[in-house]
Amino acid sequence: MTTLIDNDIILKACCYGLANDLLLPVCESLDLAGVLGTARFVIPHRIKRIGLNGGPQDAILRAASLLGCVSTVEPTEGEQIIAADLELAAQRAGLGLDTGESHLCALALSRGIRRLLTGDKRAIVAIEILLDRDSRLSALCGRIWCLEQLVILALGSDSTGSIRLAICGQPAVDKTLAICSGCRAEATKEVMVECLESYLRDLRGRAARVLSA
């Protein structure tokens, strides 16, 4: 396994119908990607709450198909202890690091997994700050990918505008992506990339060490 993916990335990729576009350029193969075991229960429930155009069923079916392709990973007792340590440190520092993200961090650290894909910017910033408090987290430096990075990479090979159409077809899924896609103003691919890179620069300013180059 080379890549761990959080629920937020899986959810949004399936709501847009862009799982292959967003994941394959980074994961190389879905066989090499893993998600937490709770994903198959959490994601359908969250999809139903979004209010997707056309209803949630297609996205739920896509999520089930995707989750059938990737590996399901469960933290060991030792990894649960690492996750609890991280959550406690985050809580004491007033940082946002939920249970799912802490477990993915623990898995990546314990098993030497090369990449962690997460849509949780609060968690990314929390990990950056906790680097100075827990030396174990240094192994995550340069290994974390955010959603904006995945979309920018996907846009590089999108010659038909399908990514923008998918995002604008479901504007409720992610506010930042909807804004950068110019769903009311026919944004070009270049404008989308420029907008996404602006958000990415802001995040990189707060999490320069942990984000991938």
Protein backbone atom coordinates (compact mmCIF):
# COMPACT_ATOMS: atom_id res chain seq x y z
CA MET A 1 0.00 0.00 0.00
CA THR A 2 1.38 3.38 -1.00
CA THR A 3 -1.50 5.77 -0.29
CA LEU A 4 -4.08 6.41 2.42
CA ILE A 5 -7.21 8.40 1.54
CA ASP A 6 -9.54 10.09 3.98
CA ASN A 7 -13.32 10.00 3.80
CA ASP A 8 -13.63 13.58 2.56
CA ILE A 9 -11.57 12.92 -0.58
CA ILE A 10 -13.47 9.70 -1.33
CA LEU A 11 -16.82 11.43 -0.80
CA LYS A 12 -16.08 14.37 -3.07
CA ALA A 13 -14.49 12.27 -5.80
CA CYS A 14 -17.61 10.09 -5.89
CA CYS A 15 -20.06 12.99 -5.75
CA TYR A 16 -18.35 14.50 -8.79
CA GLY A 17 -17.84 11.17 -10.53
CA LEU A 18 -14.13 11.96 -10.75
CA ALA A 19 -12.54 9.18 -8.71
CA ASN A 20 -10.15 8.06 -11.44
CA ASP A 21 -9.30 11.63 -12.46
CA LEU A 22 -8.44 12.73 -8.93
CA LEU A 23 -6.92 9.59 -7.46
CA LEU A 24 -5.04 7.70 -10.16
CA PRO A 25 -2.46 10.38 -10.95
CA VAL A 26 -1.31 10.15 -7.34
CA CYS A 27 -2.16 6.59 -6.29
CA GLU A 28 -0.86 4.91 -9.48
CA SER A 29 -3.41 2.12 -8.88
CA LEU A 30 -6.46 1.88 -6.65
CA ASP A 31 -5.14 -1.50 -5.52
CA LEU A 32 -2.36 0.41 -3.76
CA ALA A 33 -4.72 2.75 -1.89
CA GLY A 34 -6.32 2.23 1.49
CA VAL A 35 -9.16 3.70 3.55
CA LEU A 36 -10.33 3.24 7.12
CA GLY A 37 -12.91 0.54 7.69
CA THR A 38 -15.45 3.12 8.85
CA ALA A 39 -15.54 4.66 5.35
CA ARG A 40 -18.19 2.30 4.02
CA PHE A 41 -20.59 3.39 6.77
CA VAL A 42 -19.70 7.06 7.10
CA ILE A 43 -19.50 8.09 3.44
CA PRO A 44 -23.01 7.06 2.27
CA HIS A 45 -24.52 8.83 5.28
CA ARG A 46 -22.58 12.02 4.52
CA ILE A 47 -23.50 11.87 0.82
CA LYS A 48 -27.19 11.80 1.70
CA ARG A 49 -26.81 15.01 3.71
CA ILE A 50 -25.24 17.12 0.94
CA GLY A 51 -28.30 17.69 -1.21
CA LEU A 52 -26.86 16.59 -4.53
CA ASN A 53 -28.50 17.56 -7.79
CA GLY A 54 -30.34 14.46 -9.01
CA GLY A 55 -30.23 12.86 -5.57
CA PRO A 56 -27.57 10.86 -3.74
CA GLN A 57 -27.99 7.40 -5.28
CA ASP A 58 -25.45 7.66 -8.11
CA ALA A 59 -22.78 9.00 -5.77
CA ILE A 60 -23.51 6.26 -3.22
CA LEU A 61 -23.16 3.60 -5.92
CA ARG A 62 -19.88 5.14 -7.11
CA ALA A 63 -18.62 5.17 -3.52
CA ALA A 64 -19.50 1.50 -3.07
CA SER A 65 -17.68 0.64 -6.29
CA LEU A 66 -14.60 2.64 -5.31
CA LEU A 67 -14.47 1.20 -1.81
CA GLY A 68 -14.63 -2.25 -3.36
CA CYS A 69 -11.42 -1.48 -5.27
CA VAL A 70 -9.28 -0.07 -2.48
CA SER A 71 -8.02 -1.82 0.64
CA THR A 72 -9.68 -1.44 4.02
CA VAL A 73 -7.24 -0.88 6.87
CA GLU A 74 -7.84 -1.14 10.59
CA PRO A 75 -5.43 0.32 13.15
CA THR A 76 -3.68 -2.07 15.48
CA GLU A 77 -3.68 -1.47 19.22
CA GLY A 78 -0.29 0.21 18.92
CA GLU A 79 -1.53 2.46 16.12
CA GLN A 80 -4.59 3.39 18.17
CA ILE A 81 -2.25 4.50 20.95
CA ILE A 82 -0.30 6.69 18.53
CA ALA A 83 -3.57 8.18 17.28
CA ALA A 84 -4.72 8.87 20.83
CA ASP A 85 -1.39 10.59 21.58
CA LEU A 86 -1.84 12.84 18.55
CA GLU A 87 -5.44 13.69 19.41
CA LEU A 88 -4.48 14.56 22.99
CA ALA A 89 -1.60 16.77 21.85
CA ALA A 90 -3.92 18.49 19.37
CA GLN A 91 -6.59 19.02 22.00
CA ARG A 92 -4.09 20.55 24.41
CA ALA A 93 -2.89 22.89 21.67
CA GLY A 94 -6.41 23.84 20.64
CA LEU A 95 -6.02 22.26 17.21
CA GLY A 96 -8.50 20.43 15.00
CA LEU A 97 -7.52 16.80 14.54
CA ASP A 98 -10.40 14.33 14.54
CA THR A 99 -10.27 10.61 15.13
CA GLY A 100 -10.25 9.60 11.47
CA GLU A 101 -7.33 11.87 10.58
CA SER A 102 -5.33 10.85 13.65
CA HIS A 103 -5.76 7.17 12.77
CA LEU A 104 -4.65 7.79 9.19
CA CYS A 105 -1.56 9.58 10.51
CA ALA A 106 -0.82 6.70 12.86
CA LEU A 107 -1.18 4.17 10.05
CA ALA A 108 1.09 6.18 7.76
CA LEU A 109 3.73 6.48 10.47
CA SER A 110 3.59 2.89 11.62
CA ARG A 111 3.50 1.27 8.18
CA GLY A 112 5.71 3.69 6.27
CA ILE A 113 2.96 4.61 3.79
CA ARG A 114 4.23 7.21 1.34
CA ARG A 115 1.17 9.42 0.86
CA LEU A 116 -1.82 10.65 2.80
CA LEU A 117 -4.63 12.33 0.84
CA THR A 118 -6.92 14.46 2.97
CA GLY A 119 -9.58 17.08 2.41
CA ASP A 120 -9.31 18.30 6.01
CA LYS A 121 -7.27 21.52 5.98
CA ARG A 122 -7.60 21.91 9.75
CA ALA A 123 -5.96 18.53 10.18
CA ILE A 124 -3.13 19.46 7.81
CA VAL A 125 -2.38 22.61 9.79
CA ALA A 126 -2.64 20.69 13.06
CA ILE A 127 -0.11 18.11 11.88
CA GLU A 128 2.25 20.92 10.82
CA ILE A 129 2.10 22.51 14.28
CA LEU A 130 2.42 19.19 16.07
CA LEU A 131 5.64 18.48 14.18
CA ASP A 132 7.42 20.57 16.78
CA ARG A 133 5.86 18.59 19.63
CA ASP A 134 6.07 15.00 18.40
CA SER A 135 9.17 13.97 16.48
CA ARG A 136 7.40 10.93 15.03
CA LEU A 137 5.43 13.22 12.73
CA SER A 138 8.58 14.24 10.86
CA ALA A 139 8.05 11.11 8.76
CA LEU A 140 4.98 12.80 7.25
CA CYS A 141 6.91 15.78 5.89
CA GLY A 142 6.20 16.20 2.18
CA ARG A 143 3.77 13.28 2.17
CA ILE A 144 0.38 14.95 2.60
CA TRP A 145 -1.80 15.94 -0.36
CA CYS A 146 -4.84 18.21 -0.15
CA LEU A 147 -7.88 18.27 -2.44
CA GLU A 148 -6.75 21.36 -4.34
CA GLN A 149 -3.50 19.66 -5.31
CA LEU A 150 -5.40 16.67 -6.68
CA VAL A 151 -7.68 18.89 -8.76
CA ILE A 152 -4.78 20.93 -10.15
CA LEU A 153 -3.01 17.73 -11.17
CA ALA A 154 -6.18 16.37 -12.80
CA LEU A 155 -6.75 19.60 -14.71
CA GLY A 156 -3.36 19.19 -16.35
CA SER A 157 -4.66 16.30 -18.44
CA ASP A 158 -8.25 17.53 -18.89
CA SER A 159 -8.62 18.64 -22.50
CA THR A 160 -12.43 18.61 -22.63
CA GLY A 161 -13.43 20.64 -19.57
CA SER A 162 -15.04 17.60 -17.97
CA ILE A 163 -13.65 18.35 -14.53
CA ARG A 164 -15.15 21.83 -14.42
CA LEU A 165 -18.48 20.50 -15.66
CA ALA A 166 -18.51 17.82 -12.97
CA ILE A 167 -17.74 20.32 -10.21
CA CYS A 168 -20.30 22.84 -11.44
CA GLY A 169 -22.86 20.06 -11.75
CA GLN A 170 -22.66 19.58 -7.98
CA PRO A 171 -21.73 23.01 -6.53
CA ALA A 172 -22.84 22.08 -3.00
CA VAL A 173 -20.08 19.48 -2.62
CA ASP A 174 -17.14 21.86 -2.09
CA LYS A 175 -17.37 25.66 -1.87
CA THR A 176 -13.75 26.34 -2.82
CA LEU A 177 -13.88 24.16 -5.92
CA ALA A 178 -17.19 25.73 -6.97
CA ILE A 179 -15.72 29.22 -6.64
CA CYS A 180 -12.55 28.37 -8.56
CA SER A 181 -14.53 26.62 -11.29
CA GLY A 182 -16.43 29.85 -11.97
CA CYS A 183 -19.69 27.99 -12.27
CA ARG A 184 -21.49 31.25 -13.04
CA ALA A 185 -18.76 32.80 -15.18
CA GLU A 186 -17.41 30.09 -17.50
CA ALA A 187 -13.92 29.99 -15.99
CA THR A 188 -11.15 28.64 -18.20
CA LYS A 189 -8.84 25.88 -17.04
CA GLU A 190 -6.07 28.44 -16.56
CA VAL A 191 -8.29 30.58 -14.34
CA MET A 192 -9.29 27.51 -12.32
CA VAL A 193 -5.66 26.55 -11.76
CA GLU A 194 -4.71 30.11 -10.77
CA CYS A 195 -7.55 30.23 -8.24
CA LEU A 196 -6.75 26.82 -6.77
CA GLU A 197 -3.07 27.71 -6.51
CA SER A 198 -4.05 30.83 -4.55
CA TYR A 199 -5.84 28.68 -1.97
CA LEU A 200 -2.93 26.24 -2.01
CA ARG A 201 -0.38 29.00 -1.35
CA ASP A 202 -2.38 30.08 1.67
CA LEU A 203 -2.42 26.54 3.03
CA ARG A 204 1.25 26.00 2.23
CA GLY A 205 2.03 29.14 4.20
CA ARG A 206 0.57 27.40 7.25
CA ALA A 207 1.74 23.86 6.51
CA ALA A 208 4.91 24.20 4.44
CA ARG A 209 6.66 21.13 5.79
CA VAL A 210 3.97 18.48 5.62
CA LEU A 211 2.40 19.29 2.24
CA SER A 212 3.84 17.54 -0.79
CA ALA A 213 5.84 19.68 -3.17
